[in-house]
């Protein structure tokens, strides 16, 4: 059920951004602001704590190793989302043409259709 709802939203957004790629560019530019970065960092912290809790509850060594790898990946993601990286991403978004955003919108549309078919 959730995949159908997400698929529908992704298809709608994909179609909208194919028609108006400038809105995707503006949306990505807005996502780079400080409040969103702090929200993402908070989410990653909570996610890391959940993974850490799962590691302590796991009984199998393989499950603990997978959990530890997930924790390391989460910490790496937190390190990637810094001010410097965010500025680079913002510059990357600014320097791209409309065709780049249309291709991104097409990928979102395809993923939405795949969600609907799942």
Protein backbone atom coordinates (compact mmCIF):
# COMPACT_ATOMS: atom_id res chain seq x y z
CA UNK A 1 0.00 0.00 0.00
CA UNK A 2 2.79 2.41 0.94
CA UNK A 3 4.64 1.64 -2.30
CA UNK A 4 1.53 2.60 -4.30
CA UNK A 5 1.23 5.94 -2.49
CA UNK A 6 4.94 6.67 -2.87
CA UNK A 7 4.85 5.56 -6.49
CA UNK A 8 1.96 7.88 -7.23
CA UNK A 9 3.75 10.81 -5.59
CA UNK A 10 6.97 10.07 -7.45
CA UNK A 11 5.13 9.81 -10.77
CA UNK A 12 3.38 13.13 -10.12
CA UNK A 13 6.60 14.85 -9.12
CA UNK A 14 8.46 13.29 -12.06
CA UNK A 15 5.84 14.52 -14.53
CA UNK A 16 5.76 17.99 -12.94
CA UNK A 17 9.54 18.30 -13.03
CA UNK A 18 9.69 17.05 -16.62
CA UNK A 19 7.30 19.82 -17.59
CA UNK A 20 8.87 22.51 -15.35
CA UNK A 21 12.51 21.56 -14.60
CA UNK A 22 13.13 25.04 -13.15
CA UNK A 23 10.94 24.09 -10.19
CA UNK A 24 13.20 21.08 -9.50
CA UNK A 25 16.24 23.33 -9.63
CA UNK A 26 14.61 25.80 -7.25
CA UNK A 27 13.56 22.99 -4.91
CA UNK A 28 17.08 21.58 -4.77
CA UNK A 29 18.47 25.05 -4.11
CA UNK A 30 16.06 25.53 -1.20
CA UNK A 31 16.96 22.13 0.25
CA UNK A 32 20.53 23.30 0.72
CA UNK A 33 19.68 25.77 3.46
CA UNK A 34 20.86 25.45 7.03
CA UNK A 35 17.64 24.22 8.63
CA UNK A 36 17.36 21.25 6.27
CA UNK A 37 21.00 20.30 6.89
CA UNK A 38 20.39 20.37 10.64
CA UNK A 39 17.27 18.24 10.23
CA UNK A 40 19.22 15.70 8.18
CA UNK A 41 21.97 15.61 10.81
CA UNK A 42 19.37 15.04 13.53
CA UNK A 43 17.79 12.25 11.49
CA UNK A 44 21.17 10.61 10.94
CA UNK A 45 21.90 10.80 14.68
CA UNK A 46 18.59 9.11 15.54
CA UNK A 47 19.17 6.53 12.80
CA UNK A 48 22.66 5.81 14.18
CA UNK A 49 21.22 5.31 17.66
CA UNK A 50 18.63 2.87 16.28
CA UNK A 51 21.34 0.90 14.51
CA UNK A 52 23.44 0.90 17.67
CA UNK A 53 20.48 -0.46 19.63
CA UNK A 54 20.01 -3.19 17.04
CA UNK A 55 23.69 -4.11 17.28
CA UNK A 56 23.43 -4.60 21.04
CA UNK A 57 20.30 -6.74 20.71
CA UNK A 58 21.64 -8.98 17.94
CA UNK A 59 22.72 -12.46 19.00
CA UNK A 60 24.46 -13.55 15.81
CA UNK A 61 27.98 -12.32 15.01
CA UNK A 62 27.08 -11.77 11.34
CA UNK A 63 24.13 -9.56 12.30
CA UNK A 64 26.38 -7.55 14.60
CA UNK A 65 28.91 -7.08 11.79
CA UNK A 66 26.18 -5.91 9.42
CA UNK A 67 24.91 -3.52 12.09
CA UNK A 68 28.41 -2.19 12.72
CA UNK A 69 28.87 -1.63 8.98
CA UNK A 70 25.55 0.24 8.92
CA UNK A 71 26.74 2.41 11.80
CA UNK A 72 30.00 3.19 10.03
CA UNK A 73 28.10 4.10 6.86
CA UNK A 74 25.81 6.36 8.87
CA UNK A 75 28.78 8.14 10.44
CA UNK A 76 30.31 8.60 7.00
CA UNK A 77 27.08 10.15 5.74
CA UNK A 78 27.08 12.54 8.67
CA UNK A 79 30.64 13.56 7.83
CA UNK A 80 29.68 14.16 4.21
CA UNK A 81 26.86 16.53 5.11
CA UNK A 82 28.93 19.50 6.20
CA UNK A 83 28.91 23.15 5.31
CA UNK A 84 31.68 22.80 2.75
CA UNK A 85 30.06 19.86 1.01
CA UNK A 86 26.68 21.55 1.03
CA UNK A 87 28.18 24.62 -0.60
CA UNK A 88 29.75 22.44 -3.27
CA UNK A 89 26.41 20.74 -3.91
CA UNK A 90 24.72 24.13 -4.17
CA UNK A 91 27.32 25.27 -6.70
CA UNK A 92 26.84 22.00 -8.58
CA UNK A 93 23.09 22.57 -8.80
CA UNK A 94 23.57 26.16 -9.97
CA UNK A 95 25.95 25.16 -12.75
CA UNK A 96 23.72 22.54 -14.37
CA UNK A 97 21.55 23.05 -17.41
CA UNK A 98 17.83 22.36 -17.68
CA UNK A 99 18.52 19.11 -19.56
CA UNK A 100 20.28 17.73 -16.47
CA UNK A 101 17.17 18.36 -14.37
CA UNK A 102 14.91 16.85 -17.01
CA UNK A 103 17.00 13.67 -16.94
CA UNK A 104 16.72 13.63 -13.13
CA UNK A 105 12.96 14.11 -13.39
CA UNK A 106 12.76 11.25 -15.88
CA UNK A 107 14.63 8.99 -13.43
CA UNK A 108 12.21 9.97 -10.65
CA UNK A 109 9.29 9.23 -12.97
CA UNK A 110 10.71 5.80 -13.83
CA UNK A 111 11.28 4.98 -10.16
CA UNK A 112 7.71 6.03 -9.40
CA UNK A 113 6.38 3.73 -12.10
CA UNK A 114 8.49 0.90 -10.67
CA UNK A 115 7.01 1.58 -7.22
CA UNK A 116 3.52 1.36 -8.71
CA UNK A 117 4.30 -1.93 -10.42
CA UNK A 118 5.82 -3.48 -7.26
